[in-house]
Amino acid sequence: MDNISPPRPVRRAELLAAGAATVTVVLWASAFVSIRSAGSAYSPGALALGRLLAGALTLGVICLIRREGWPPRTAWRGIAVSGVLWFGFYMVVLNWGEQQVDAGTAALVVNIGPILIALLGARLLGDTMPPRLLAGMAVSFAGAVAVGLSMSGDGGSSLLGVVLCLLAAVGYAGGVVAQKPALGRASALQVTTFGCLIGAVVCLPFAGRLVHDAADAPVSATLNMVYLGVFPTALAFTTWAYALARTTAGRMGATTYAVPALVVLMSWLALGEVPGLLTLAGGVLCLAGVAVSRSRPRRTAAGTASGTARTAVEAAAVTARPAAGTAAPEAGPNRPDVPEGRSESA
């Protein structure tokens, strides 16, 4: 039977989410190039605080222009947890850990994060783990390790560095899973802005070090720190939240496996670092795994017709609900059609 494409509004939403995810991984990949400059002049905590302050300022201005209000009370728990674990804790320990281990060890340990996201999402959010997602993540993980090993130098890896990279992966996974429910109650911009602000507050103990490092840092390092805050943080974390609200945490986590491949390409173009065969092969595996993990089985005509009919019945029920008399109390502060405590994309 012939395959039938999904309805146009659904297809458009999928394309927008995929575009947002693409912007995220490209900007996160560019962050590694900027960190090489800023990281040589700023300590891990100072770099994290400077980046978060620049990001919070940028997001705050955007919120004022768009007249975004405060997030609803039910979203604050997820925002606070993601702000502490991902924006604050993750950035500090990752900066610190990458100074202690070689690139191969960092790739092996930190890239456990997307796997932890899928496992935690299945356990805490009820996300499914289809075979394509698991297969794609396995392929991408192998590619990420190959890229890291091929770019490793002769430096050793300390136990402290391994532990820090592992903690970074755990913080990253916990922050993403905590952020997902909050996106069902607040906008992507609200969740990102206040998460970034909370992360900056967590890093305030490094304020003195930031002032000290900024006094001696070259202008290029400071500009790279500001770039990290405006683009890989403010913009990329917002597009990440937009895409995460429209798919599962596991699929979004798998998408970040494209970052190592893009880092190789950007290092080649911007720094003149010609990749070796193992590096290129690892990059291809990363991208192939992402493609597999984000693919979906094709729908048949019968399956599509059944799903369309079910969607029509549900939409009719939602439309008829207010006509029964007195309107039901709002289930959520911003979205009456989304039940309290449940993500709209669940």
C-alpha atoms as a PDB file:
ATOM      1  CA  MET A   1       0.000   0.000   0.000  1.00  0.00           C
ATOM      2  CA  ASP A   2       1.235   3.488  -0.836  1.00  0.00           C
ATOM      3  CA  ASN A   3       2.922   5.565   1.839  1.00  0.00           C
ATOM      4  CA  ILE A   4       1.102   8.721   2.921  1.00  0.00           C
ATOM      5  CA  SER A   5       2.859  11.787   4.275  1.00  0.00           C
ATOM      6  CA  PRO A   6       1.753  13.234   7.630  1.00  0.00           C
ATOM      7  CA  PRO A   7      -0.629  16.239   7.618  1.00  0.00           C
ATOM      8  CA  ARG A   8       0.944  19.557   6.616  1.00  0.00           C
ATOM      9  CA  PRO A   9       0.734  21.214  10.102  1.00  0.00           C
ATOM     10  CA  VAL A  10       2.403  18.181  11.676  1.00  0.00           C
ATOM     11  CA  ARG A  11       5.104  18.140   9.013  1.00  0.00           C
ATOM     12  CA  ARG A  12       5.727  21.875   9.507  1.00  0.00           C
ATOM     13  CA  ALA A  13       6.085  21.440  13.275  1.00  0.00           C
ATOM     14  CA  GLU A  14       8.555  18.589  12.746  1.00  0.00           C
ATOM     15  CA  LEU A  15      10.632  20.695  10.345  1.00  0.00           C
ATOM     16  CA  LEU A  16      10.724  23.633  12.782  1.00  0.00           C
ATOM     17  CA  ALA A  17      11.836  21.368  15.632  1.00  0.00           C
ATOM     18  CA  ALA A  18      14.512  19.765  13.420  1.00  0.00           C
ATOM     19  CA  GLY A  19      15.714  23.224  12.374  1.00  0.00           C
ATOM     20  CA  ALA A  20      15.945  24.348  15.997  1.00  0.00           C
ATOM     21  CA  ALA A  21      17.918  21.213  16.891  1.00  0.00           C
ATOM     22  CA  THR A  22      20.284  21.866  13.970  1.00  0.00           C
ATOM     23  CA  VAL A  23      20.956  25.434  15.150  1.00  0.00           C
ATOM     24  CA  THR A  24      21.693  24.066  18.617  1.00  0.00           C
ATOM     25  CA  VAL A  25      24.266  21.462  17.603  1.00  0.00           C
ATOM     26  CA  VAL A  26      26.031  23.848  15.192  1.00  0.00           C
ATOM     27  CA  LEU A  27      26.416  26.536  17.873  1.00  0.00           C
ATOM     28  CA  TRP A  28      27.437  24.009  20.547  1.00  0.00           C
ATOM     29  CA  ALA A  29      30.088  22.684  18.183  1.00  0.00           C
ATOM     30  CA  SER A  30      31.384  26.215  17.611  1.00  0.00           C
ATOM     31  CA  ALA A  31      31.709  26.588  21.380  1.00  0.00           C
ATOM     32  CA  PHE A  32      34.625  24.133  21.461  1.00  0.00           C
ATOM     33  CA  VAL A  33      36.637  26.378  19.130  1.00  0.00           C
ATOM     34  CA  SER A  34      35.935  29.440  21.301  1.00  0.00           C
ATOM     35  CA  ILE A  35      36.705  27.596  24.531  1.00  0.00           C
ATOM     36  CA  ARG A  36      40.249  26.954  23.264  1.00  0.00           C
ATOM     37  CA  SER A  37      40.894  30.704  23.337  1.00  0.00           C
ATOM     38  CA  ALA A  38      38.891  31.677  26.403  1.00  0.00           C
ATOM     39  CA  GLY A  39      39.936  28.613  28.401  1.00  0.00           C
ATOM     40  CA  SER A  40      43.597  29.516  28.157  1.00  0.00           C
ATOM     41  CA  ALA A  41      43.017  32.836  29.931  1.00  0.00           C
ATOM     42  CA  TYR A  42      40.097  32.071  32.263  1.00  0.00           C
ATOM     43  CA  SER A  43      39.813  29.459  35.012  1.00  0.00           C
ATOM     44  CA  PRO A  44      36.936  26.933  34.715  1.00  0.00           C
ATOM     45  CA  GLY A  45      34.659  28.656  37.235  1.00  0.00           C
ATOM     46  CA  ALA A  46      35.363  32.154  35.945  1.00  0.00           C
ATOM     47  CA  LEU A  47      34.726  31.092  32.352  1.00  0.00           C
ATOM     48  CA  ALA A  48      31.421  29.472  33.318  1.00  0.00           C
ATOM     49  CA  LEU A  49      30.277  32.552  35.264  1.00  0.00           C
ATOM     50  CA  GLY A  50      31.286  34.998  32.512  1.00  0.00           C
ATOM     51  CA  ARG A  51      29.524  32.900  29.895  1.00  0.00           C
ATOM     52  CA  LEU A  52      26.350  32.634  31.976  1.00  0.00           C
ATOM     53  CA  LEU A  53      26.283  36.352  32.798  1.00  0.00           C
ATOM     54  CA  ALA A  54      26.557  37.229  29.104  1.00  0.00           C
ATOM     55  CA  GLY A  55      23.845  34.712  28.293  1.00  0.00           C
ATOM     56  CA  ALA A  56      21.510  35.884  31.070  1.00  0.00           C
ATOM     57  CA  LEU A  57      21.898  39.517  30.007  1.00  0.00           C
ATOM     58  CA  THR A  58      21.115  38.668  26.374  1.00  0.00           C
ATOM     59  CA  LEU A  59      18.089  36.570  27.311  1.00  0.00           C
ATOM     60  CA  GLY A  60      16.857  39.222  29.725  1.00  0.00           C
ATOM     61  CA  VAL A  61      16.853  41.865  26.998  1.00  0.00           C
ATOM     62  CA  ILE A  62      14.955  39.532  24.663  1.00  0.00           C
ATOM     63  CA  CYS A  63      12.389  38.819  27.386  1.00  0.00           C
ATOM     64  CA  LEU A  64      11.849  42.540  27.939  1.00  0.00           C
ATOM     65  CA  ILE A  65      11.383  43.163  24.212  1.00  0.00           C
ATOM     66  CA  ARG A  66       8.930  40.267  23.927  1.00  0.00           C
ATOM     67  CA  ARG A  67       7.279  41.172  27.248  1.00  0.00           C
ATOM     68  CA  GLU A  68       7.696  37.672  28.610  1.00  0.00           C
ATOM     69  CA  GLY A  69       6.339  37.346  32.120  1.00  0.00           C
ATOM     70  CA  TRP A  70       7.461  35.130  34.973  1.00  0.00           C
ATOM     71  CA  PRO A  71       7.133  31.378  34.447  1.00  0.00           C
ATOM     72  CA  PRO A  72       4.125  29.763  36.131  1.00  0.00           C
ATOM     73  CA  ARG A  73       4.730  28.383  39.592  1.00  0.00           C
ATOM     74  CA  THR A  74       4.387  24.774  38.430  1.00  0.00           C
ATOM     75  CA  ALA A  75       7.380  25.187  36.071  1.00  0.00           C
ATOM     76  CA  TRP A  76       9.825  26.489  38.662  1.00  0.00           C
ATOM     77  CA  ARG A  77      10.918  23.120  39.987  1.00  0.00           C
ATOM     78  CA  GLY A  78      12.140  21.919  36.599  1.00  0.00           C
ATOM     79  CA  ILE A  79      13.699  25.294  35.815  1.00  0.00           C
ATOM     80  CA  ALA A  80      15.567  25.384  39.123  1.00  0.00           C
ATOM     81  CA  VAL A  81      16.890  21.824  38.825  1.00  0.00           C
ATOM     82  CA  SER A  82      18.045  22.313  35.223  1.00  0.00           C
ATOM     83  CA  GLY A  83      19.589  25.676  36.135  1.00  0.00           C
ATOM     84  CA  VAL A  84      21.635  24.177  38.957  1.00  0.00           C
ATOM     85  CA  LEU A  85      22.624  20.902  37.269  1.00  0.00           C
ATOM     86  CA  TRP A  86      23.044  21.913  33.634  1.00  0.00           C
ATOM     87  CA  PHE A  87      23.726  25.633  33.434  1.00  0.00           C
ATOM     88  CA  GLY A  88      25.763  25.830  36.615  1.00  0.00           C
ATOM     89  CA  PHE A  89      27.281  22.523  37.733  1.00  0.00           C
ATOM     90  CA  TYR A  90      27.794  21.024  34.263  1.00  0.00           C
ATOM     91  CA  MET A  91      29.655  24.014  32.815  1.00  0.00           C
ATOM     92  CA  VAL A  92      32.072  24.285  35.738  1.00  0.00           C
ATOM     93  CA  VAL A  93      32.978  20.591  36.053  1.00  0.00           C
ATOM     94  CA  LEU A  94      33.227  20.141  32.268  1.00  0.00           C
ATOM     95  CA  ASN A  95      35.649  23.079  31.951  1.00  0.00           C
ATOM     96  CA  TRP A  96      37.647  21.689  34.852  1.00  0.00           C
ATOM     97  CA  GLY A  97      37.579  18.071  33.682  1.00  0.00           C
ATOM     98  CA  GLU A  98      38.763  18.867  30.161  1.00  0.00           C
ATOM     99  CA  GLN A  99      41.916  20.390  31.674  1.00  0.00           C
ATOM    100  CA  GLN A 100      42.686  17.092  33.422  1.00  0.00           C
ATOM    101  CA  VAL A 101      42.112  14.466  30.703  1.00  0.00           C
ATOM    102  CA  ASP A 102      42.949  13.958  27.061  1.00  0.00           C
ATOM    103  CA  ALA A 103      40.335  14.327  24.342  1.00  0.00           C
ATOM    104  CA  GLY A 104      39.784  10.584  23.939  1.00  0.00           C
ATOM    105  CA  THR A 105      38.932  10.069  27.603  1.00  0.00           C
ATOM    106  CA  ALA A 106      36.700  13.137  27.609  1.00  0.00           C
ATOM    107  CA  ALA A 107      34.812  11.885  24.545  1.00  0.00           C
ATOM    108  CA  LEU A 108      34.341   8.460  26.086  1.00  0.00           C
ATOM    109  CA  VAL A 109      33.067   9.742  29.444  1.00  0.00           C
ATOM    110  CA  VAL A 110      31.101  12.885  28.554  1.00  0.00           C
ATOM    111  CA  ASN A 111      29.266  11.192  25.684  1.00  0.00           C
ATOM    112  CA  ILE A 112      27.666   8.846  28.190  1.00  0.00           C
ATOM    113  CA  GLY A 113      25.318  11.823  28.748  1.00  0.00           C
ATOM    114  CA  PRO A 114      22.867  11.129  25.879  1.00  0.00           C
ATOM    115  CA  ILE A 115      22.638   7.488  26.962  1.00  0.00           C
ATOM    116  CA  LEU A 116      21.812   8.583  30.514  1.00  0.00           C
ATOM    117  CA  ILE A 117      19.198  10.988  29.112  1.00  0.00           C
ATOM    118  CA  ALA A 118      17.465   8.151  27.268  1.00  0.00           C
ATOM    119  CA  LEU A 119      17.512   5.901  30.346  1.00  0.00           C
ATOM    120  CA  LEU A 120      16.310   8.623  32.728  1.00  0.00           C
ATOM    121  CA  GLY A 121      13.684   9.770  30.226  1.00  0.00           C
ATOM    122  CA  ALA A 122      12.294   6.253  29.984  1.00  0.00           C
ATOM    123  CA  ARG A 123      12.287   5.830  33.758  1.00  0.00           C
ATOM    124  CA  LEU A 124      11.068   9.252  34.926  1.00  0.00           C
ATOM    125  CA  LEU A 125       9.180  10.676  31.931  1.00  0.00           C
ATOM    126  CA  GLY A 126       7.789   7.509  30.394  1.00  0.00           C
ATOM    127  CA  ASP A 127       9.607   8.088  27.097  1.00  0.00           C
ATOM    128  CA  THR A 128       9.775   5.166  24.715  1.00  0.00           C
ATOM    129  CA  MET A 129      13.089   3.680  23.592  1.00  0.00           C
ATOM    130  CA  PRO A 130      12.487   2.378  20.062  1.00  0.00           C
ATOM    131  CA  PRO A 131      15.093   0.115  18.471  1.00  0.00           C
ATOM    132  CA  ARG A 132      16.104   2.832  15.980  1.00  0.00           C
ATOM    133  CA  LEU A 133      16.978   5.216  18.816  1.00  0.00           C
ATOM    134  CA  LEU A 134      19.090   2.620  20.618  1.00  0.00           C
ATOM    135  CA  ALA A 135      20.861   1.546  17.423  1.00  0.00           C
ATOM    136  CA  GLY A 136      21.557   5.124  16.387  1.00  0.00           C
ATOM    137  CA  MET A 137      22.952   6.037  19.800  1.00  0.00           C
ATOM    138  CA  ALA A 138      25.263   3.013  19.741  1.00  0.00           C
ATOM    139  CA  VAL A 139      26.629   3.993  16.314  1.00  0.00           C
ATOM    140  CA  SER A 140      27.044   7.654  17.312  1.00  0.00           C
ATOM    141  CA  PHE A 141      28.762   6.770  20.584  1.00  0.00           C
ATOM    142  CA  ALA A 142      31.298   4.651  18.723  1.00  0.00           C
ATOM    143  CA  GLY A 143      31.901   7.553  16.343  1.00  0.00           C
ATOM    144  CA  ALA A 144      32.336  10.054  19.193  1.00  0.00           C
ATOM    145  CA  VAL A 145      34.915   7.823  20.855  1.00  0.00           C
ATOM    146  CA  ALA A 146      36.759   7.401  17.532  1.00  0.00           C
ATOM    147  CA  VAL A 147      36.882  11.182  17.059  1.00  0.00           C
ATOM    148  CA  GLY A 148      38.144  11.718  20.589  1.00  0.00           C
ATOM    149  CA  LEU A 149      40.821   9.038  20.375  1.00  0.00           C
ATOM    150  CA  SER A 150      42.043  10.283  17.004  1.00  0.00           C
ATOM    151  CA  MET A 151      42.415  13.842  18.354  1.00  0.00           C
ATOM    152  CA  SER A 152      44.115  12.850  21.604  1.00  0.00           C
ATOM    153  CA  GLY A 153      47.628  13.984  22.254  1.00  0.00           C
ATOM    154  CA  ASP A 154      50.293  12.368  24.379  1.00  0.00           C
ATOM    155  CA  GLY A 155      48.868  13.716  27.647  1.00  0.00           C
ATOM    156  CA  GLY A 156      47.645  11.405  30.344  1.00  0.00           C
ATOM    157  CA  SER A 157      44.331  11.277  32.140  1.00  0.00           C
ATOM    158  CA  SER A 158      43.979  11.733  35.885  1.00  0.00           C
ATOM    159  CA  LEU A 159      41.397  10.011  38.021  1.00  0.00           C
ATOM    160  CA  LEU A 160      40.103  13.440  39.035  1.00  0.00           C
ATOM    161  CA  GLY A 161      39.547  14.383  35.398  1.00  0.00           C
ATOM    162  CA  VAL A 162      37.633  11.176  34.677  1.00  0.00           C
ATOM    163  CA  VAL A 163      35.401  11.738  37.711  1.00  0.00           C
ATOM    164  CA  LEU A 164      34.764  15.350  36.690  1.00  0.00           C
ATOM    165  CA  CYS A 165      33.786  14.359  33.148  1.00  0.00           C
ATOM    166  CA  LEU A 166      31.486  11.667  34.536  1.00  0.00           C
ATOM    167  CA  LEU A 167      29.874  14.203  36.864  1.00  0.00           C
ATOM    168  CA  ALA A 168      29.428  16.544  33.891  1.00  0.00           C
ATOM    169  CA  ALA A 169      27.600  13.796  31.980  1.00  0.00           C
ATOM    170  CA  VAL A 170      25.341  13.101  34.974  1.00  0.00           C
ATOM    171  CA  GLY A 171      24.604  16.814  35.463  1.00  0.00           C
ATOM    172  CA  TYR A 172      23.825  17.239  31.771  1.00  0.00           C
ATOM    173  CA  ALA A 173      21.440  14.271  31.740  1.00  0.00           C
ATOM    174  CA  GLY A 174      19.698  15.284  34.967  1.00  0.00           C
ATOM    175  CA  GLY A 175      19.266  18.861  33.759  1.00  0.00           C
ATOM    176  CA  VAL A 176      17.714  17.826  30.441  1.00  0.00           C
ATOM    177  CA  VAL A 177      15.258  15.398  32.055  1.00  0.00           C
ATOM    178  CA  ALA A 178      14.263  18.015  34.655  1.00  0.00           C
ATOM    179  CA  GLN A 179      13.783  20.650  31.945  1.00  0.00           C
ATOM    180  CA  LYS A 180      11.424  18.553  29.837  1.00  0.00           C
ATOM    181  CA  PRO A 181       8.306  18.774  32.111  1.00  0.00           C
ATOM    182  CA  ALA A 182       8.852  22.500  32.673  1.00  0.00           C
ATOM    183  CA  LEU A 183       8.532  23.067  28.922  1.00  0.00           C
ATOM    184  CA  GLY A 184       4.944  21.822  29.120  1.00  0.00           C
ATOM    185  CA  ARG A 185       4.084  24.711  31.442  1.00  0.00           C
ATOM    186  CA  ALA A 186       6.341  27.597  30.360  1.00  0.00           C
ATOM    187  CA  SER A 187       7.784  28.838  27.074  1.00  0.00           C
ATOM    188  CA  ALA A 188      11.209  27.813  25.815  1.00  0.00           C
ATOM    189  CA  LEU A 189      12.430  31.379  26.319  1.00  0.00           C
ATOM    190  CA  GLN A 190      11.210  31.504  29.923  1.00  0.00           C
ATOM    191  CA  VAL A 191      12.745  28.135  30.809  1.00  0.00           C
ATOM    192  CA  THR A 192      16.094  29.054  29.228  1.00  0.00           C
ATOM    193  CA  THR A 193      16.268  32.584  30.646  1.00  0.00           C
ATOM    194  CA  PHE A 194      15.571  31.697  34.244  1.00  0.00           C
ATOM    195  CA  GLY A 195      17.613  28.495  34.057  1.00  0.00           C
ATOM    196  CA  CYS A 196      20.597  30.529  32.838  1.00  0.00           C
ATOM    197  CA  LEU A 197      20.041  33.093  35.589  1.00  0.00           C
ATOM    198  CA  ILE A 198      19.951  30.382  38.259  1.00  0.00           C
ATOM    199  CA  GLY A 199      23.132  28.883  36.840  1.00  0.00           C
ATOM    200  CA  ALA A 200      24.826  32.288  37.071  1.00  0.00           C
ATOM    201  CA  VAL A 201      23.766  32.597  40.713  1.00  0.00           C
ATOM    202  CA  VAL A 202      25.241  29.155  41.415  1.00  0.00           C
ATOM    203  CA  CYS A 203      28.560  30.312  39.902  1.00  0.00           C
ATOM    204  CA  LEU A 204      28.710  33.628  41.798  1.00  0.00           C
ATOM    205  CA  PRO A 205      31.427  32.293  44.171  1.00  0.00           C
ATOM    206  CA  PHE A 206      33.776  32.570  41.150  1.00  0.00           C
ATOM    207  CA  ALA A 207      33.060  36.311  40.721  1.00  0.00           C
ATOM    208  CA  GLY A 208      36.361  37.364  42.294  1.00  0.00           C
ATOM    209  CA  ARG A 209      38.295  35.011  40.053  1.00  0.00           C
ATOM    210  CA  LEU A 210      36.434  36.311  37.001  1.00  0.00           C
ATOM    211  CA  VAL A 211      37.430  39.900  37.791  1.00  0.00           C
ATOM    212  CA  HIS A 212      41.046  38.831  38.333  1.00  0.00           C
ATOM    213  CA  ASP A 213      41.230  36.812  35.104  1.00  0.00           C
ATOM    214  CA  ALA A 214      39.504  39.513  33.051  1.00  0.00           C
ATOM    215  CA  ALA A 215      42.148  42.062  34.071  1.00  0.00           C
ATOM    216  CA  ASP A 216      44.942  39.972  32.524  1.00  0.00           C
ATOM    217  CA  ALA A 217      43.087  38.190  29.697  1.00  0.00           C
ATOM    218  CA  PRO A 218      43.669  39.232  26.078  1.00  0.00           C
ATOM    219  CA  VAL A 219      40.766  40.880  24.285  1.00  0.00           C
ATOM    220  CA  SER A 220      40.314  37.848  22.015  1.00  0.00           C
ATOM    221  CA  ALA A 221      39.751  35.547  25.006  1.00  0.00           C
ATOM    222  CA  THR A 222      37.180  37.908  26.530  1.00  0.00           C
ATOM    223  CA  LEU A 223      35.365  38.263  23.212  1.00  0.00           C
ATOM    224  CA  ASN A 224      35.241  34.488  22.905  1.00  0.00           C
ATOM    225  CA  MET A 225      33.746  34.272  26.405  1.00  0.00           C
ATOM    226  CA  VAL A 226      31.063  36.799  25.422  1.00  0.00           C
ATOM    227  CA  TYR A 227      30.412  34.832  22.225  1.00  0.00           C
ATOM    228  CA  LEU A 228      29.944  31.683  24.305  1.00  0.00           C
ATOM    229  CA  GLY A 229      27.318  33.457  26.379  1.00  0.00           C
ATOM    230  CA  VAL A 230      25.369  35.056  23.524  1.00  0.00           C
ATOM    231  CA  PHE A 231      25.293  32.273  20.937  1.00  0.00           C
ATOM    232  CA  PRO A 232      26.088  28.765  22.300  1.00  0.00           C
ATOM    233  CA  THR A 233      24.272  29.634  25.557  1.00  0.00           C
ATOM    234  CA  ALA A 234      21.472  32.196  25.026  1.00  0.00           C
ATOM    235  CA  LEU A 235      20.498  31.263  21.470  1.00  0.00           C
ATOM    236  CA  ALA A 236      21.413  27.570  21.367  1.00  0.00           C
ATOM    237  CA  PHE A 237      19.852  26.666  24.718  1.00  0.00           C
ATOM    238  CA  THR A 238      16.625  28.415  23.632  1.00  0.00           C
ATOM    239  CA  THR A 239      16.439  26.537  20.332  1.00  0.00           C
ATOM    240  CA  TRP A 240      17.246  23.345  22.272  1.00  0.00           C
ATOM    241  CA  ALA A 241      14.309  23.985  24.624  1.00  0.00           C
ATOM    242  CA  TYR A 242      12.017  24.708  21.668  1.00  0.00           C
ATOM    243  CA  ALA A 243      12.917  21.382  20.041  1.00  0.00           C
ATOM    244  CA  LEU A 244      12.855  19.430  23.323  1.00  0.00           C
ATOM    245  CA  ALA A 245       9.268  20.574  23.963  1.00  0.00           C
ATOM    246  CA  ARG A 246       8.277  18.857  20.710  1.00  0.00           C
ATOM    247  CA  THR A 247      10.046  15.509  20.989  1.00  0.00           C
ATOM    248  CA  THR A 248      11.374  13.067  23.565  1.00  0.00           C
ATOM    249  CA  ALA A 249      14.424  13.691  25.730  1.00  0.00           C
ATOM    250  CA  GLY A 250      16.104  10.576  24.348  1.00  0.00           C
ATOM    251  CA  ARG A 251      15.845  11.666  20.714  1.00  0.00           C
ATOM    252  CA  MET A 252      17.125  15.148  21.527  1.00  0.00           C
ATOM    253  CA  GLY A 253      20.030  13.691  23.484  1.00  0.00           C
ATOM    254  CA  ALA A 254      20.943  11.489  20.534  1.00  0.00           C
ATOM    255  CA  THR A 255      20.958  14.566  18.275  1.00  0.00           C
ATOM    256  CA  THR A 256      23.904  16.028  20.198  1.00  0.00           C
ATOM    257  CA  TYR A 257      26.108  13.217  18.890  1.00  0.00           C
ATOM    258  CA  ALA A 258      26.420  15.360  15.752  1.00  0.00           C
ATOM    259  CA  VAL A 259      28.540  17.828  17.743  1.00  0.00           C
ATOM    260  CA  PRO A 260      31.865  15.888  17.529  1.00  0.00           C
ATOM    261  CA  ALA A 261      31.572  15.642  13.747  1.00  0.00           C
ATOM    262  CA  LEU A 262      30.887  19.365  13.438  1.00  0.00           C
ATOM    263  CA  VAL A 263      33.800  20.178  15.759  1.00  0.00           C
ATOM    264  CA  VAL A 264      36.111  18.277  13.391  1.00  0.00           C
ATOM    265  CA  LEU A 265      34.759  20.239  10.404  1.00  0.00           C
ATOM    266  CA  MET A 266      35.017  23.622  12.155  1.00  0.00           C
ATOM    267  CA  SER A 267      38.537  22.902  13.411  1.00  0.00           C
ATOM    268  CA  TRP A 268      39.497  22.062   9.847  1.00  0.00           C
ATOM    269  CA  LEU A 269      37.986  25.252   8.390  1.00  0.00           C
ATOM    270  CA  ALA A 270      38.791  27.726  11.185  1.00  0.00           C
ATOM    271  CA  LEU A 271      42.045  26.390  12.634  1.00  0.00           C
ATOM    272  CA  GLY A 272      43.522  24.543   9.674  1.00  0.00           C
ATOM    273  CA  GLU A 273      43.587  21.234  11.580  1.00  0.00           C
ATOM    274  CA  VAL A 274      43.334  18.629   8.832  1.00  0.00           C
ATOM    275  CA  PRO A 275      41.528  15.548  10.206  1.00  0.00           C
ATOM    276  CA  GLY A 276      42.956  12.071   9.808  1.00  0.00           C
ATOM    277  CA  LEU A 277      41.138   9.062   8.404  1.00  0.00           C
ATOM    278  CA  LEU A 278      40.060   7.818  11.853  1.00  0.00           C
ATOM    279  CA  THR A 279      38.697  11.277  12.692  1.00  0.00           C
ATOM    280  CA  LEU A 280      36.725  11.442   9.453  1.00  0.00           C
ATOM    281  CA  ALA A 281      35.385   7.921   9.949  1.00  0.00           C
ATOM    282  CA  GLY A 282      34.299   8.796  13.493  1.00  0.00           C
ATOM    283  CA  GLY A 283      32.546  11.941  12.260  1.00  0.00           C
ATOM    284  CA  VAL A 284      30.671   9.963   9.615  1.00  0.00           C
ATOM    285  CA  LEU A 285      29.582   7.442  12.262  1.00  0.00           C
ATOM    286  CA  CYS A 286      28.319  10.270  14.508  1.00  0.00           C
ATOM    287  CA  LEU A 287      26.184  11.740  11.748  1.00  0.00           C
ATOM    288  CA  ALA A 288      24.944   8.330  10.582  1.00  0.00           C
ATOM    289  CA  GLY A 289      23.905   7.438  14.115  1.00  0.00           C
ATOM    290  CA  VAL A 290      21.991  10.708  14.510  1.00  0.00           C
ATOM    291  CA  ALA A 291      20.185  10.062  11.230  1.00  0.00           C
ATOM    292  CA  VAL A 292      19.184   6.572  12.368  1.00  0.00           C
ATOM    293  CA  SER A 293      18.079   7.693  15.842  1.00  0.00           C
ATOM    294  CA  ARG A 294      15.851  10.482  14.452  1.00  0.00           C
ATOM    295  CA  SER A 295      14.318   8.408  11.665  1.00  0.00           C
ATOM    296  CA  ARG A 296      10.873   6.909  11.965  1.00  0.00           C
ATOM    297  CA  PRO A 297       9.259   3.903  10.281  1.00  0.00           C
ATOM    298  CA  ARG A 298       7.189   4.929   7.280  1.00  0.00           C
ATOM    299  CA  ARG A 299       3.466   4.976   7.873  1.00  0.00           C
ATOM    300  CA  THR A 300       1.148   2.994   5.669  1.00  0.00           C
ATOM    301  CA  ALA A 301      -2.095   4.412   4.356  1.00  0.00           C
ATOM    302  CA  ALA A 302      -4.149   2.391   6.830  1.00  0.00           C
ATOM    303  CA  GLY A 303      -2.020   3.443   9.776  1.00  0.00           C
ATOM    304  CA  THR A 304      -2.074   7.086   8.745  1.00  0.00           C
ATOM    305  CA  ALA A 305      -5.840   7.062   8.227  1.00  0.00           C
ATOM    306  CA  SER A 306      -6.348   5.504  11.652  1.00  0.00           C
ATOM    307  CA  GLY A 307      -4.087   8.082  13.320  1.00  0.00           C
ATOM    308  CA  THR A 308      -5.793  10.947  11.466  1.00  0.00           C
ATOM    309  CA  ALA A 309      -9.234   9.722  12.523  1.00  0.00           C
ATOM    310  CA  ARG A 310      -8.106   9.389  16.148  1.00  0.00           C
ATOM    311  CA  THR A 311      -6.666  12.920  16.078  1.00  0.00           C
ATOM    312  CA  ALA A 312      -9.924  14.276  14.623  1.00  0.00           C
ATOM    313  CA  VAL A 313     -11.987  12.623  17.366  1.00  0.00           C
ATOM    314  CA  GLU A 314      -9.708  14.010  20.095  1.00  0.00           C
ATOM    315  CA  ALA A 315      -9.800  17.491  18.568  1.00  0.00           C
ATOM    316  CA  ALA A 316     -13.599  17.387  18.369  1.00  0.00           C
ATOM    317  CA  ALA A 317     -13.786  16.376  22.032  1.00  0.00           C
ATOM    318  CA  VAL A 318     -11.548  19.267  23.072  1.00  0.00           C
ATOM    319  CA  THR A 319     -13.572  21.718  20.965  1.00  0.00           C
ATOM    320  CA  ALA A 320     -16.904  20.527  22.366  1.00  0.00           C
ATOM    321  CA  ARG A 321     -15.775  20.640  25.992  1.00  0.00           C
ATOM    322  CA  PRO A 322     -16.535  24.361  26.644  1.00  0.00           C
ATOM    323  CA  ALA A 323     -19.976  24.014  25.007  1.00  0.00           C
ATOM    324  CA  ALA A 324     -21.246  21.763  27.769  1.00  0.00           C
ATOM    325  CA  GLY A 325     -22.045  24.764  29.961  1.00  0.00           C
ATOM    326  CA  THR A 326     -19.681  26.306  32.454  1.00  0.00           C
ATOM    327  CA  ALA A 327     -16.077  26.197  31.311  1.00  0.00           C
ATOM    328  CA  ALA A 328     -13.892  23.782  33.199  1.00  0.00           C
ATOM    329  CA  PRO A 329     -11.158  25.248  35.419  1.00  0.00           C
ATOM    330  CA  GLU A 330      -7.875  25.816  33.688  1.00  0.00           C
ATOM    331  CA  ALA A 331      -5.589  22.813  33.965  1.00  0.00           C
ATOM    332  CA  GLY A 332      -2.423  24.847  33.487  1.00  0.00           C
ATOM    333  CA  PRO A 333      -1.522  28.483  33.996  1.00  0.00           C
ATOM    334  CA  ASN A 334      -0.683  29.121  30.345  1.00  0.00           C
ATOM    335  CA  ARG A 335      -2.286  26.258  28.445  1.00  0.00           C
ATOM    336  CA  PRO A 336      -5.835  25.290  29.448  1.00  0.00           C
ATOM    337  CA  ASP A 337      -5.734  22.376  26.987  1.00  0.00           C
ATOM    338  CA  VAL A 338      -2.623  20.874  28.622  1.00  0.00           C
ATOM    339  CA  PRO A 339      -3.334  18.979  31.887  1.00  0.00           C
ATOM    340  CA  GLU A 340      -1.465  20.128  34.984  1.00  0.00           C
ATOM    341  CA  GLY A 341       1.706  18.099  35.525  1.00  0.00           C
ATOM    342  CA  ARG A 342       1.901  16.827  31.961  1.00  0.00           C
ATOM    343  CA  SER A 343       4.002  17.927  29.041  1.00  0.00           C
ATOM    344  CA  GLU A 344       2.134  18.890  25.883  1.00  0.00           C
ATOM    345  CA  SER A 345       4.476  16.696  23.875  1.00  0.00           C
ATOM    346  CA  ALA A 346       4.109  13.641  26.090  1.00  0.00           C
END
